[in-house]
Amino acid sequence: MELPSRSTCHLSDADIRAFLARVGELCEHPTNLYLLGGSALILLGSPRPTVDLDYVGSDLPAQRGELEQLVQRAAVEMQIEVEAIPFQDFLPLPSESERRHVQIGQFGKLTVYVFDLYSIALSKIERGFESDLEDVVFLLQHKRIELQRLIQLAQAMLTRAPEFALDAQQIHAHLNALERMI
């Protein structure tokens, strides 16, 4: 009997931590990993399920390829769907984003962070699915981000909208929808 693919199952906090521990076992050098999306929010207590793990590789360019190979190896072993996201290619990162990463833990030589929560929130507002806006509401309700600061950063992001092919009108609509949800 064939087992169902892990990628069709929701990941729990324990699943994500077990995966990170496996990647940490594989790391030979001190390396940082930055998580995004639903898996990152689960580690912060979000109840919304996710089926994959999105990440940004090491902040050291020389280690990115090696880390991506280790992540892929662990993903295959554990049947977890992973995706490396070139986050900075999709939207302008807000000022001082590198100072706001949230450390989750140390897994062997792997230090894991949740990427800057304002950057995550802005990406979710830009995409604008209802579940994305629910994630932003979670961050606001749990005081992980502040609404006024988020609005300021969204306005700053919109000044660079053409450079990133962002639809400013759509982002405004998503911000309005978010404010109605709060």
C-alpha atoms as a PDB file:
ATOM      1  CA  MET A   1       0.000   0.000   0.000  1.00  0.00           C
ATOM      2  CA  GLU A   2       1.376   3.391  -0.996  1.00  0.00           C
ATOM      3  CA  LEU A   3       1.471   6.113   1.637  1.00  0.00           C
ATOM      4  CA  PRO A   4      -0.093   9.461   0.778  1.00  0.00           C
ATOM      5  CA  SER A   5       2.374  12.152  -0.188  1.00  0.00           C
ATOM      6  CA  ARG A   6       3.399  14.320   2.745  1.00  0.00           C
ATOM      7  CA  SER A   7       2.848  17.407   0.572  1.00  0.00           C
ATOM      8  CA  THR A   8      -0.929  16.814   0.682  1.00  0.00           C
ATOM      9  CA  CYS A   9      -0.925  16.882   4.501  1.00  0.00           C
ATOM     10  CA  HIS A  10      -0.877  19.939   6.691  1.00  0.00           C
ATOM     11  CA  LEU A  11       2.362  20.684   8.470  1.00  0.00           C
ATOM     12  CA  SER A  12       2.296  21.059  12.230  1.00  0.00           C
ATOM     13  CA  ASP A  13       4.708  22.968  14.423  1.00  0.00           C
ATOM     14  CA  ALA A  14       6.297  19.606  15.313  1.00  0.00           C
ATOM     15  CA  ASP A  15       6.640  18.649  11.612  1.00  0.00           C
ATOM     16  CA  ILE A  16       8.345  21.935  10.808  1.00  0.00           C
ATOM     17  CA  ARG A  17      10.696  21.679  13.787  1.00  0.00           C
ATOM     18  CA  ALA A  18      11.578  18.073  12.887  1.00  0.00           C
ATOM     19  CA  PHE A  19      12.375  19.213   9.353  1.00  0.00           C
ATOM     20  CA  LEU A  20      14.552  22.059  10.635  1.00  0.00           C
ATOM     21  CA  ALA A  21      16.345  19.641  12.954  1.00  0.00           C
ATOM     22  CA  ARG A  22      17.093  17.391   9.972  1.00  0.00           C
ATOM     23  CA  VAL A  23      18.451  20.291   7.937  1.00  0.00           C
ATOM     24  CA  GLY A  24      20.524  21.279  10.966  1.00  0.00           C
ATOM     25  CA  GLU A  25      21.987  17.756  11.132  1.00  0.00           C
ATOM     26  CA  LEU A  26      23.056  18.085   7.504  1.00  0.00           C
ATOM     27  CA  CYS A  27      24.722  21.500   7.925  1.00  0.00           C
ATOM     28  CA  GLU A  28      28.507  21.410   8.152  1.00  0.00           C
ATOM     29  CA  HIS A  29      28.954  25.167   8.644  1.00  0.00           C
ATOM     30  CA  PRO A  30      27.052  27.744  10.698  1.00  0.00           C
ATOM     31  CA  THR A  31      24.189  28.833   8.462  1.00  0.00           C
ATOM     32  CA  ASN A  32      21.069  30.989   8.741  1.00  0.00           C
ATOM     33  CA  LEU A  33      17.694  30.052   7.278  1.00  0.00           C
ATOM     34  CA  TYR A  34      14.794  32.506   7.016  1.00  0.00           C
ATOM     35  CA  LEU A  35      11.237  31.173   6.876  1.00  0.00           C
ATOM     36  CA  LEU A  36       8.290  32.873   5.203  1.00  0.00           C
ATOM     37  CA  GLY A  37       4.620  32.208   4.744  1.00  0.00           C
ATOM     38  CA  GLY A  38       2.337  29.865   6.586  1.00  0.00           C
ATOM     39  CA  SER A  39       5.061  27.666   8.053  1.00  0.00           C
ATOM     40  CA  ALA A  40       6.728  30.713   9.600  1.00  0.00           C
ATOM     41  CA  LEU A  41       3.438  31.852  11.100  1.00  0.00           C
ATOM     42  CA  ILE A  42       2.720  28.379  12.486  1.00  0.00           C
ATOM     43  CA  LEU A  43       5.976  28.641  14.449  1.00  0.00           C
ATOM     44  CA  LEU A  44       4.611  31.910  15.874  1.00  0.00           C
ATOM     45  CA  GLY A  45       1.355  30.246  16.929  1.00  0.00           C
ATOM     46  CA  SER A  46      -0.931  30.715  13.935  1.00  0.00           C
ATOM     47  CA  PRO A  47      -3.672  28.098  13.705  1.00  0.00           C
ATOM     48  CA  ARG A  48      -4.006  28.401   9.905  1.00  0.00           C
ATOM     49  CA  PRO A  49      -2.741  25.247   8.194  1.00  0.00           C
ATOM     50  CA  THR A  50      -0.101  25.105   5.488  1.00  0.00           C
ATOM     51  CA  VAL A  51       1.131  22.322   3.239  1.00  0.00           C
ATOM     52  CA  ASP A  52       4.576  23.680   2.395  1.00  0.00           C
ATOM     53  CA  LEU A  53       7.584  25.462   3.773  1.00  0.00           C
ATOM     54  CA  ASP A  54       8.760  28.663   2.059  1.00  0.00           C
ATOM     55  CA  TYR A  55      12.179  30.018   2.842  1.00  0.00           C
ATOM     56  CA  VAL A  56      14.887  32.474   1.943  1.00  0.00           C
ATOM     57  CA  GLY A  57      18.346  30.960   2.018  1.00  0.00           C
ATOM     58  CA  SER A  58      21.376  32.069   3.921  1.00  0.00           C
ATOM     59  CA  ASP A  59      22.307  35.730   4.112  1.00  0.00           C
ATOM     60  CA  LEU A  60      25.768  34.676   2.897  1.00  0.00           C
ATOM     61  CA  PRO A  61      25.597  34.289  -0.896  1.00  0.00           C
ATOM     62  CA  ALA A  62      28.343  31.653  -0.902  1.00  0.00           C
ATOM     63  CA  GLN A  63      26.185  29.402   1.317  1.00  0.00           C
ATOM     64  CA  ARG A  64      22.864  29.769  -0.521  1.00  0.00           C
ATOM     65  CA  GLY A  65      23.413  26.988  -3.034  1.00  0.00           C
ATOM     66  CA  GLU A  66      24.711  24.581  -0.421  1.00  0.00           C
ATOM     67  CA  LEU A  67      21.833  25.354   1.931  1.00  0.00           C
ATOM     68  CA  GLU A  68      19.278  24.923  -0.829  1.00  0.00           C
ATOM     69  CA  GLN A  69      20.709  21.456  -1.575  1.00  0.00           C
ATOM     70  CA  LEU A  70      20.474  20.487   2.106  1.00  0.00           C
ATOM     71  CA  VAL A  71      16.911  21.765   2.356  1.00  0.00           C
ATOM     72  CA  GLN A  72      15.943  19.837  -0.791  1.00  0.00           C
ATOM     73  CA  ARG A  73      17.598  16.665   0.537  1.00  0.00           C
ATOM     74  CA  ALA A  74      15.716  16.880   3.840  1.00  0.00           C
ATOM     75  CA  ALA A  75      12.489  17.694   1.977  1.00  0.00           C
ATOM     76  CA  VAL A  76      12.789  14.570  -0.156  1.00  0.00           C
ATOM     77  CA  GLU A  77      13.623  12.418   2.882  1.00  0.00           C
ATOM     78  CA  MET A  78      10.688  13.762   4.875  1.00  0.00           C
ATOM     79  CA  GLN A  79       8.280  14.224   1.940  1.00  0.00           C
ATOM     80  CA  ILE A  80       7.764  17.902   2.667  1.00  0.00           C
ATOM     81  CA  GLU A  81       7.148  20.425  -0.065  1.00  0.00           C
ATOM     82  CA  VAL A  82       9.625  23.328   0.123  1.00  0.00           C
ATOM     83  CA  GLU A  83      10.220  26.385  -2.004  1.00  0.00           C
ATOM     84  CA  ALA A  84      13.092  28.844  -2.035  1.00  0.00           C
ATOM     85  CA  ILE A  85      11.621  32.317  -2.479  1.00  0.00           C
ATOM     86  CA  PRO A  86      13.722  35.189  -3.855  1.00  0.00           C
ATOM     87  CA  PHE A  87      11.705  37.522  -1.633  1.00  0.00           C
ATOM     88  CA  GLN A  88      13.619  40.682  -2.500  1.00  0.00           C
ATOM     89  CA  ASP A  89      12.740  40.172  -6.198  1.00  0.00           C
ATOM     90  CA  PHE A  90       8.983  40.394  -5.569  1.00  0.00           C
ATOM     91  CA  LEU A  91       8.671  43.544  -3.532  1.00  0.00           C
ATOM     92  CA  PRO A  92      10.895  46.191  -2.034  1.00  0.00           C
ATOM     93  CA  LEU A  93      11.937  45.172   1.441  1.00  0.00           C
ATOM     94  CA  PRO A  94      11.003  47.762   4.045  1.00  0.00           C
ATOM     95  CA  SER A  95      13.692  49.794   5.732  1.00  0.00           C
ATOM     96  CA  GLU A  96      15.559  47.970   8.495  1.00  0.00           C
ATOM     97  CA  SER A  97      13.924  44.645   7.626  1.00  0.00           C
ATOM     98  CA  GLU A  98      17.191  42.829   8.339  1.00  0.00           C
ATOM     99  CA  ARG A  99      16.939  43.972  11.980  1.00  0.00           C
ATOM    100  CA  ARG A 100      13.452  42.565  12.514  1.00  0.00           C
ATOM    101  CA  HIS A 101      13.932  38.858  11.815  1.00  0.00           C
ATOM    102  CA  VAL A 102      12.546  36.737  14.657  1.00  0.00           C
ATOM    103  CA  GLN A 103      14.873  33.991  15.853  1.00  0.00           C
ATOM    104  CA  ILE A 104      13.081  30.677  16.222  1.00  0.00           C
ATOM    105  CA  GLY A 105      15.936  28.490  17.350  1.00  0.00           C
ATOM    106  CA  GLN A 106      19.200  26.724  16.829  1.00  0.00           C
ATOM    107  CA  PHE A 107      19.151  23.356  15.087  1.00  0.00           C
ATOM    108  CA  GLY A 108      22.702  22.050  15.077  1.00  0.00           C
ATOM    109  CA  LYS A 109      24.684  24.571  13.044  1.00  0.00           C
ATOM    110  CA  LEU A 110      21.476  25.968  11.533  1.00  0.00           C
ATOM    111  CA  THR A 111      19.998  29.129  13.039  1.00  0.00           C
ATOM    112  CA  VAL A 112      16.388  29.595  11.978  1.00  0.00           C
ATOM    113  CA  TYR A 113      14.556  32.891  11.789  1.00  0.00           C
ATOM    114  CA  VAL A 114      11.144  34.017  10.691  1.00  0.00           C
ATOM    115  CA  PHE A 115      11.815  36.673   8.094  1.00  0.00           C
ATOM    116  CA  ASP A 116      10.854  40.255   8.985  1.00  0.00           C
ATOM    117  CA  LEU A 117       7.148  40.167   9.850  1.00  0.00           C
ATOM    118  CA  TYR A 118       6.429  43.486   8.146  1.00  0.00           C
ATOM    119  CA  SER A 119       7.919  42.136   4.915  1.00  0.00           C
ATOM    120  CA  ILE A 120       5.764  39.025   5.228  1.00  0.00           C
ATOM    121  CA  ALA A 121       2.671  41.125   5.935  1.00  0.00           C
ATOM    122  CA  LEU A 122       3.360  43.382   2.950  1.00  0.00           C
ATOM    123  CA  SER A 123       3.764  40.383   0.655  1.00  0.00           C
ATOM    124  CA  LYS A 124       0.468  38.990   1.891  1.00  0.00           C
ATOM    125  CA  ILE A 125      -1.272  42.325   1.377  1.00  0.00           C
ATOM    126  CA  GLU A 126       0.181  42.529  -2.125  1.00  0.00           C
ATOM    127  CA  ARG A 127      -1.161  39.053  -3.020  1.00  0.00           C
ATOM    128  CA  GLY A 128      -4.396  39.758  -1.189  1.00  0.00           C
ATOM    129  CA  PHE A 129      -6.033  36.352  -0.844  1.00  0.00           C
ATOM    130  CA  GLU A 130      -8.491  36.216   2.046  1.00  0.00           C
ATOM    131  CA  SER A 131      -6.207  33.730   3.833  1.00  0.00           C
ATOM    132  CA  ASP A 132      -3.283  36.142   3.361  1.00  0.00           C
ATOM    133  CA  LEU A 133      -5.226  38.973   4.956  1.00  0.00           C
ATOM    134  CA  GLU A 134      -6.242  36.626   7.789  1.00  0.00           C
ATOM    135  CA  ASP A 135      -2.525  36.011   8.373  1.00  0.00           C
ATOM    136  CA  VAL A 136      -1.933  39.765   8.638  1.00  0.00           C
ATOM    137  CA  VAL A 137      -4.843  40.044  11.084  1.00  0.00           C
ATOM    138  CA  PHE A 138      -3.190  37.273  13.151  1.00  0.00           C
ATOM    139  CA  LEU A 139       0.064  39.260  13.268  1.00  0.00           C
ATOM    140  CA  LEU A 140      -1.793  42.421  14.273  1.00  0.00           C
ATOM    141  CA  GLN A 141      -3.968  40.746  16.903  1.00  0.00           C
ATOM    142  CA  HIS A 142      -0.960  39.066  18.477  1.00  0.00           C
ATOM    143  CA  LYS A 143       0.912  42.367  18.518  1.00  0.00           C
ATOM    144  CA  ARG A 144       3.684  41.070  16.275  1.00  0.00           C
ATOM    145  CA  ILE A 145       3.240  44.115  14.033  1.00  0.00           C
ATOM    146  CA  GLU A 146       1.534  47.498  14.409  1.00  0.00           C
ATOM    147  CA  LEU A 147      -1.106  48.707  11.967  1.00  0.00           C
ATOM    148  CA  GLN A 148       0.175  52.281  11.667  1.00  0.00           C
ATOM    149  CA  ARG A 149       3.722  51.120  10.953  1.00  0.00           C
ATOM    150  CA  LEU A 150       2.414  48.586   8.427  1.00  0.00           C
ATOM    151  CA  ILE A 151       0.475  51.311   6.613  1.00  0.00           C
ATOM    152  CA  GLN A 152       3.562  53.550   6.558  1.00  0.00           C
ATOM    153  CA  LEU A 153       5.669  50.743   5.120  1.00  0.00           C
ATOM    154  CA  ALA A 154       2.969  49.912   2.562  1.00  0.00           C
ATOM    155  CA  GLN A 155       2.951  53.539   1.413  1.00  0.00           C
ATOM    156  CA  ALA A 156       6.735  53.488   1.109  1.00  0.00           C
ATOM    157  CA  MET A 157       6.496  50.242  -0.870  1.00  0.00           C
ATOM    158  CA  LEU A 158       4.003  51.847  -3.246  1.00  0.00           C
ATOM    159  CA  THR A 159       6.507  54.558  -4.159  1.00  0.00           C
ATOM    160  CA  ARG A 160       8.503  51.764  -5.798  1.00  0.00           C
ATOM    161  CA  ALA A 161       5.502  49.941  -7.297  1.00  0.00           C
ATOM    162  CA  PRO A 162       6.514  50.422 -10.963  1.00  0.00           C
ATOM    163  CA  GLU A 163      10.001  49.050 -10.290  1.00  0.00           C
ATOM    164  CA  PHE A 164       8.487  45.791  -8.991  1.00  0.00           C
ATOM    165  CA  ALA A 165       5.424  45.700 -11.278  1.00  0.00           C
ATOM    166  CA  LEU A 166       3.118  46.085  -8.287  1.00  0.00           C
ATOM    167  CA  ASP A 167      -0.491  47.100  -8.829  1.00  0.00           C
ATOM    168  CA  ALA A 168      -0.881  50.083  -6.477  1.00  0.00           C
ATOM    169  CA  GLN A 169      -4.649  50.235  -6.916  1.00  0.00           C
ATOM    170  CA  GLN A 170      -4.993  46.581  -6.013  1.00  0.00           C
ATOM    171  CA  ILE A 171      -2.757  46.980  -2.958  1.00  0.00           C
ATOM    172  CA  HIS A 172      -4.912  49.891  -1.765  1.00  0.00           C
ATOM    173  CA  ALA A 173      -7.985  47.684  -2.174  1.00  0.00           C
ATOM    174  CA  HIS A 174      -6.320  44.914  -0.160  1.00  0.00           C
ATOM    175  CA  LEU A 175      -5.374  47.394   2.583  1.00  0.00           C
ATOM    176  CA  ASN A 176      -8.989  48.575   2.719  1.00  0.00           C
ATOM    177  CA  ALA A 177     -10.184  44.959   2.954  1.00  0.00           C
ATOM    178  CA  LEU A 178      -7.682  44.367   5.765  1.00  0.00           C
ATOM    179  CA  GLU A 179      -8.956  47.391   7.696  1.00  0.00           C
ATOM    180  CA  ARG A 180     -12.525  46.077   7.379  1.00  0.00           C
ATOM    181  CA  MET A 181     -11.412  42.694   8.747  1.00  0.00           C
ATOM    182  CA  ILE A 182      -9.782  44.199  11.812  1.00  0.00           C
END
